[in-house]
Amino acid sequence: MDNKKVAKYALGFIGGKPNVSRYYNDDETKKIDIMTSESGVIKGIPTCATIGLCQTDIGLSTNGKKLRVELVAACDLNSEILGNILATISFDVMDTKSCAHGMLIPNVIRSYVKGTELKHVVLMSPVFWSKYQVLEDDDCMVAWLMVVPITDSEKNYIEHNGIAAFDSLLERKDADVINMQRKPVV
């Protein structure tokens, strides 16, 4: 799927005025574009989304079409740090050719943010964007997964109870998942 089409579609549900930056891995063998909107649906909170991760085959399909992913995140970090976190996750997906709802990515936040209990991320449904839907063309479907920062105890909870139980727990506790200083829900 064409990256311009992906970017335009993402902007449609994220909203605001976009800015796109290119991020590279350490040896510059991989790259990913990150679209940032400081004035989107979630006012006052930067939203970042990958553009081009869907070029990576993750080996999944649905309804006879390849299923691909992009990532989206909203957090009270500056957009450059949030972009670095998304880029790091993207490079991992490119290397492993694996990405799915409920996937845990350990220690990715710790590399960029100090002074928070939130060290890891889990990939979940993009609940903040009511206009979000899967993007589909003739041979491919692109789904966005929301990057949610989590603590050690939350990571352990997901490993033992599953992502559905964790999602329910977040809802019951009314967790503010965009707050990098939030307390764990378990």
C-alpha atoms as a PDB file:
ATOM      1  CA  MET A   1       0.000   0.000   0.000  1.00  0.00           C
ATOM      2  CA  ASP A   2       1.208   3.480  -0.872  1.00  0.00           C
ATOM      3  CA  ASN A   3       2.655   5.441   2.086  1.00  0.00           C
ATOM      4  CA  LYS A   4       0.936   8.678   0.995  1.00  0.00           C
ATOM      5  CA  LYS A   5      -2.418   6.903   1.134  1.00  0.00           C
ATOM      6  CA  VAL A   6      -1.569   5.556   4.613  1.00  0.00           C
ATOM      7  CA  ALA A   7      -0.513   9.013   5.860  1.00  0.00           C
ATOM      8  CA  LYS A   8      -3.603  10.719   4.508  1.00  0.00           C
ATOM      9  CA  TYR A   9      -5.841   8.047   6.025  1.00  0.00           C
ATOM     10  CA  ALA A  10      -4.105   8.277   9.434  1.00  0.00           C
ATOM     11  CA  LEU A  11      -4.414  12.057   9.449  1.00  0.00           C
ATOM     12  CA  GLY A  12      -8.141  11.624   8.818  1.00  0.00           C
ATOM     13  CA  PHE A  13      -8.668   9.960  12.188  1.00  0.00           C
ATOM     14  CA  ILE A  14      -5.841  11.634  14.152  1.00  0.00           C
ATOM     15  CA  GLY A  15      -6.672  15.176  13.072  1.00  0.00           C
ATOM     16  CA  GLY A  16      -4.660  18.348  13.444  1.00  0.00           C
ATOM     17  CA  LYS A  17      -1.771  19.689  11.423  1.00  0.00           C
ATOM     18  CA  PRO A  18       0.790  16.988  10.581  1.00  0.00           C
ATOM     19  CA  ASN A  19       4.547  17.056  10.579  1.00  0.00           C
ATOM     20  CA  VAL A  20       6.484  14.076   9.184  1.00  0.00           C
ATOM     21  CA  SER A  21      10.036  13.166  10.211  1.00  0.00           C
ATOM     22  CA  ARG A  22      12.205  10.275   9.109  1.00  0.00           C
ATOM     23  CA  TYR A  23      13.896   8.111  11.755  1.00  0.00           C
ATOM     24  CA  TYR A  24      16.780   5.684  11.138  1.00  0.00           C
ATOM     25  CA  ASN A  25      18.154   2.780  13.143  1.00  0.00           C
ATOM     26  CA  ASP A  26      21.721   3.070  14.489  1.00  0.00           C
ATOM     27  CA  ASP A  27      23.474   1.797  11.365  1.00  0.00           C
ATOM     28  CA  GLU A  28      20.969   3.514   9.043  1.00  0.00           C
ATOM     29  CA  THR A  29      19.931   0.258   7.344  1.00  0.00           C
ATOM     30  CA  LYS A  30      16.268   0.810   8.260  1.00  0.00           C
ATOM     31  CA  LYS A  31      14.050   3.876   8.190  1.00  0.00           C
ATOM     32  CA  ILE A  32      10.525   4.772   9.228  1.00  0.00           C
ATOM     33  CA  ASP A  33       8.527   7.949   8.822  1.00  0.00           C
ATOM     34  CA  ILE A  34       6.693   9.246  11.876  1.00  0.00           C
ATOM     35  CA  MET A  35       3.778  11.631  11.483  1.00  0.00           C
ATOM     36  CA  THR A  36       3.210  13.923  14.459  1.00  0.00           C
ATOM     37  CA  SER A  37       0.150  16.008  15.222  1.00  0.00           C
ATOM     38  CA  GLU A  38       0.271  18.330  18.213  1.00  0.00           C
ATOM     39  CA  SER A  39      -3.286  19.548  17.649  1.00  0.00           C
ATOM     40  CA  GLY A  40      -5.290  16.448  16.837  1.00  0.00           C
ATOM     41  CA  VAL A  41      -8.248  14.739  18.469  1.00  0.00           C
ATOM     42  CA  ILE A  42      -6.529  14.602  21.872  1.00  0.00           C
ATOM     43  CA  LYS A  43      -6.019  18.299  22.630  1.00  0.00           C
ATOM     44  CA  GLY A  44      -2.696  19.280  24.168  1.00  0.00           C
ATOM     45  CA  ILE A  45      -1.181  15.805  23.809  1.00  0.00           C
ATOM     46  CA  PRO A  46       1.128  14.885  20.911  1.00  0.00           C
ATOM     47  CA  THR A  47      -0.012  12.013  18.731  1.00  0.00           C
ATOM     48  CA  CYS A  48       2.520  10.134  16.617  1.00  0.00           C
ATOM     49  CA  ALA A  49       1.890   7.472  13.994  1.00  0.00           C
ATOM     50  CA  THR A  50       4.181   5.379  11.839  1.00  0.00           C
ATOM     51  CA  ILE A  51       3.991   5.744   8.086  1.00  0.00           C
ATOM     52  CA  GLY A  52       5.423   2.831   6.114  1.00  0.00           C
ATOM     53  CA  LEU A  53       5.560   0.042   8.681  1.00  0.00           C
ATOM     54  CA  CYS A  54       2.816  -1.589   6.623  1.00  0.00           C
ATOM     55  CA  GLN A  55       5.474  -2.350   3.998  1.00  0.00           C
ATOM     56  CA  THR A  56       6.711  -5.095   6.362  1.00  0.00           C
ATOM     57  CA  ASP A  57       5.070  -8.487   5.865  1.00  0.00           C
ATOM     58  CA  ILE A  58       4.120  -9.800   9.316  1.00  0.00           C
ATOM     59  CA  GLY A  59       2.789 -13.085   7.958  1.00  0.00           C
ATOM     60  CA  LEU A  60      -0.864 -12.449   8.796  1.00  0.00           C
ATOM     61  CA  SER A  61      -3.919 -12.356   6.566  1.00  0.00           C
ATOM     62  CA  THR A  62      -7.643 -11.863   6.923  1.00  0.00           C
ATOM     63  CA  ASN A  63     -10.438 -12.456   4.415  1.00  0.00           C
ATOM     64  CA  GLY A  64      -7.855 -13.504   1.813  1.00  0.00           C
ATOM     65  CA  LYS A  65      -5.903 -10.245   2.104  1.00  0.00           C
ATOM     66  CA  LYS A  66      -2.523  -9.524   3.678  1.00  0.00           C
ATOM     67  CA  LEU A  67      -2.874  -7.880   7.084  1.00  0.00           C
ATOM     68  CA  ARG A  68      -0.328  -5.184   7.809  1.00  0.00           C
ATOM     69  CA  VAL A  69       0.113  -2.769  10.719  1.00  0.00           C
ATOM     70  CA  GLU A  70       0.975   0.785  11.588  1.00  0.00           C
ATOM     71  CA  LEU A  71       1.462   2.110  15.118  1.00  0.00           C
ATOM     72  CA  VAL A  72      -0.123   5.118  16.808  1.00  0.00           C
ATOM     73  CA  ALA A  73       0.589   6.635  20.215  1.00  0.00           C
ATOM     74  CA  ALA A  74      -0.561   9.572  22.292  1.00  0.00           C
ATOM     75  CA  CYS A  75       1.359  10.461  25.395  1.00  0.00           C
ATOM     76  CA  ASP A  76       2.410  13.398  27.529  1.00  0.00           C
ATOM     77  CA  LEU A  77       5.980  13.143  26.221  1.00  0.00           C
ATOM     78  CA  ASN A  78       7.493  15.491  23.708  1.00  0.00           C
ATOM     79  CA  SER A  79       6.877  14.296  20.175  1.00  0.00           C
ATOM     80  CA  GLU A  80      10.567  13.630  19.428  1.00  0.00           C
ATOM     81  CA  ILE A  81      10.862  11.143  22.306  1.00  0.00           C
ATOM     82  CA  LEU A  82       7.536   9.547  21.371  1.00  0.00           C
ATOM     83  CA  GLY A  83       8.732   9.322  17.757  1.00  0.00           C
ATOM     84  CA  ASN A  84      11.935   7.605  18.884  1.00  0.00           C
ATOM     85  CA  ILE A  85       9.929   5.046  20.853  1.00  0.00           C
ATOM     86  CA  LEU A  86       7.700   4.317  17.839  1.00  0.00           C
ATOM     87  CA  ALA A  87      10.737   4.071  15.562  1.00  0.00           C
ATOM     88  CA  THR A  88      12.471   1.610  17.903  1.00  0.00           C
ATOM     89  CA  ILE A  89       9.349  -0.573  18.021  1.00  0.00           C
ATOM     90  CA  SER A  90       9.067  -0.356  14.220  1.00  0.00           C
ATOM     91  CA  PHE A  91      12.649  -1.508  13.700  1.00  0.00           C
ATOM     92  CA  ASP A  92      11.950  -4.463  16.004  1.00  0.00           C
ATOM     93  CA  VAL A  93       8.855  -5.345  13.949  1.00  0.00           C
ATOM     94  CA  MET A  94      10.898  -5.080  10.748  1.00  0.00           C
ATOM     95  CA  ASP A  95      13.521  -7.430  12.204  1.00  0.00           C
ATOM     96  CA  THR A  96      11.140 -10.020  13.678  1.00  0.00           C
ATOM     97  CA  LYS A  97       8.429  -9.731  11.000  1.00  0.00           C
ATOM     98  CA  SER A  98       5.974 -10.036  13.869  1.00  0.00           C
ATOM     99  CA  CYS A  99       3.366  -7.671  15.248  1.00  0.00           C
ATOM    100  CA  ALA A 100      -0.045  -8.284  16.769  1.00  0.00           C
ATOM    101  CA  HIS A 101      -2.646  -6.996  19.185  1.00  0.00           C
ATOM    102  CA  GLY A 102      -1.490  -7.736  22.733  1.00  0.00           C
ATOM    103  CA  MET A 103       2.192  -7.943  21.805  1.00  0.00           C
ATOM    104  CA  LEU A 104       4.556  -6.846  24.568  1.00  0.00           C
ATOM    105  CA  ILE A 105       7.715  -4.870  23.818  1.00  0.00           C
ATOM    106  CA  PRO A 106       9.951  -4.890  26.895  1.00  0.00           C
ATOM    107  CA  ASN A 107      12.192  -2.034  28.039  1.00  0.00           C
ATOM    108  CA  VAL A 108      11.587   0.250  25.056  1.00  0.00           C
ATOM    109  CA  ILE A 109      10.617   3.269  27.165  1.00  0.00           C
ATOM    110  CA  ARG A 110      13.487   2.877  29.614  1.00  0.00           C
ATOM    111  CA  SER A 111      15.927   3.812  26.807  1.00  0.00           C
ATOM    112  CA  TYR A 112      14.318   7.227  26.305  1.00  0.00           C
ATOM    113  CA  VAL A 113      12.548   8.252  29.517  1.00  0.00           C
ATOM    114  CA  LYS A 114      13.902   8.304  33.051  1.00  0.00           C
ATOM    115  CA  GLY A 115      11.895   8.755  36.237  1.00  0.00           C
ATOM    116  CA  THR A 116       8.824   6.731  35.317  1.00  0.00           C
ATOM    117  CA  GLU A 117       7.620   3.277  36.319  1.00  0.00           C
ATOM    118  CA  LEU A 118       6.437   2.779  32.727  1.00  0.00           C
ATOM    119  CA  LYS A 119       9.248   0.836  31.045  1.00  0.00           C
ATOM    120  CA  HIS A 120       7.499  -1.384  28.507  1.00  0.00           C
ATOM    121  CA  VAL A 121       4.667  -1.112  25.988  1.00  0.00           C
ATOM    122  CA  VAL A 122       1.789  -3.288  24.895  1.00  0.00           C
ATOM    123  CA  LEU A 123       0.009  -2.970  21.542  1.00  0.00           C
ATOM    124  CA  MET A 124      -3.742  -2.457  21.848  1.00  0.00           C
ATOM    125  CA  SER A 125      -6.765  -1.225  19.887  1.00  0.00           C
ATOM    126  CA  PRO A 126      -6.667   2.509  19.102  1.00  0.00           C
ATOM    127  CA  VAL A 127      -9.523   3.531  21.411  1.00  0.00           C
ATOM    128  CA  PHE A 128      -8.921   7.296  21.466  1.00  0.00           C
ATOM    129  CA  TRP A 129      -9.730   7.863  17.811  1.00  0.00           C
ATOM    130  CA  SER A 130     -13.450   7.391  17.166  1.00  0.00           C
ATOM    131  CA  LYS A 131     -13.043   7.846  13.394  1.00  0.00           C
ATOM    132  CA  TYR A 132     -10.466   5.040  13.186  1.00  0.00           C
ATOM    133  CA  GLN A 133     -11.186   2.095  10.899  1.00  0.00           C
ATOM    134  CA  VAL A 134      -8.996  -0.451   9.140  1.00  0.00           C
ATOM    135  CA  LEU A 135      -7.720   0.783   5.754  1.00  0.00           C
ATOM    136  CA  GLU A 136      -8.387  -1.642   2.935  1.00  0.00           C
ATOM    137  CA  ASP A 137      -7.443  -1.861  -0.723  1.00  0.00           C
ATOM    138  CA  ASP A 138      -7.534  -4.670  -3.305  1.00  0.00           C
ATOM    139  CA  ASP A 139      -4.867  -6.923  -1.780  1.00  0.00           C
ATOM    140  CA  CYS A 140      -4.083  -5.540   1.671  1.00  0.00           C
ATOM    141  CA  MET A 141      -5.613  -4.384   4.944  1.00  0.00           C
ATOM    142  CA  VAL A 142      -3.787  -1.991   7.276  1.00  0.00           C
ATOM    143  CA  ALA A 143      -4.712  -1.893  10.957  1.00  0.00           C
ATOM    144  CA  TRP A 144      -3.333   0.581  13.492  1.00  0.00           C
ATOM    145  CA  LEU A 145      -2.261  -0.594  16.928  1.00  0.00           C
ATOM    146  CA  MET A 146      -2.002   1.818  19.840  1.00  0.00           C
ATOM    147  CA  VAL A 147       1.234   1.812  21.820  1.00  0.00           C
ATOM    148  CA  VAL A 148       0.355   1.801  25.542  1.00  0.00           C
ATOM    149  CA  PRO A 149       3.138   2.309  28.131  1.00  0.00           C
ATOM    150  CA  ILE A 150       3.037  -0.231  30.990  1.00  0.00           C
ATOM    151  CA  THR A 151       4.891  -1.077  34.201  1.00  0.00           C
ATOM    152  CA  ASP A 152       6.643  -4.287  35.251  1.00  0.00           C
ATOM    153  CA  SER A 153       3.600  -5.419  37.259  1.00  0.00           C
ATOM    154  CA  GLU A 154       1.257  -4.714  34.340  1.00  0.00           C
ATOM    155  CA  LYS A 155       3.541  -6.623  31.962  1.00  0.00           C
ATOM    156  CA  ASN A 156       3.454  -9.597  34.351  1.00  0.00           C
ATOM    157  CA  TYR A 157      -0.329  -9.314  34.620  1.00  0.00           C
ATOM    158  CA  ILE A 158      -0.701  -9.445  30.820  1.00  0.00           C
ATOM    159  CA  GLU A 159       1.654 -12.431  30.590  1.00  0.00           C
ATOM    160  CA  HIS A 160      -0.420 -14.354  33.146  1.00  0.00           C
ATOM    161  CA  ASN A 161      -3.980 -13.138  32.394  1.00  0.00           C
ATOM    162  CA  GLY A 162      -3.967 -12.008  28.759  1.00  0.00           C
ATOM    163  CA  ILE A 163      -4.603  -8.742  26.983  1.00  0.00           C
ATOM    164  CA  ALA A 164      -8.420  -8.882  27.282  1.00  0.00           C
ATOM    165  CA  ALA A 165      -8.201  -9.061  31.091  1.00  0.00           C
ATOM    166  CA  PHE A 166      -5.730  -6.160  31.123  1.00  0.00           C
ATOM    167  CA  ASP A 167      -7.949  -4.085  28.819  1.00  0.00           C
ATOM    168  CA  SER A 168     -10.894  -4.676  31.177  1.00  0.00           C
ATOM    169  CA  LEU A 169      -8.751  -3.726  34.159  1.00  0.00           C
ATOM    170  CA  LEU A 170      -7.673  -0.461  32.519  1.00  0.00           C
ATOM    171  CA  GLU A 171     -11.312   0.371  31.898  1.00  0.00           C
ATOM    172  CA  ARG A 172     -12.457  -0.546  35.436  1.00  0.00           C
ATOM    173  CA  LYS A 173      -9.669   1.531  36.990  1.00  0.00           C
ATOM    174  CA  ASP A 174     -10.235   4.386  34.516  1.00  0.00           C
ATOM    175  CA  ALA A 175      -6.482   4.443  33.861  1.00  0.00           C
ATOM    176  CA  ASP A 176      -5.020   7.517  32.177  1.00  0.00           C
ATOM    177  CA  VAL A 177      -2.778   5.653  29.726  1.00  0.00           C
ATOM    178  CA  ILE A 178      -1.419   8.854  28.169  1.00  0.00           C
ATOM    179  CA  ASN A 179       0.061   9.960  31.530  1.00  0.00           C
ATOM    180  CA  MET A 180       3.706   8.862  31.817  1.00  0.00           C
ATOM    181  CA  GLN A 181       3.586   9.313  35.583  1.00  0.00           C
ATOM    182  CA  ARG A 182       0.475   7.213  36.200  1.00  0.00           C
ATOM    183  CA  LYS A 183       0.510   4.560  38.879  1.00  0.00           C
ATOM    184  CA  PRO A 184       0.174   0.876  37.935  1.00  0.00           C
ATOM    185  CA  VAL A 185      -3.329  -0.618  37.849  1.00  0.00           C
ATOM    186  CA  VAL A 186      -1.993  -3.857  39.430  1.00  0.00           C
END
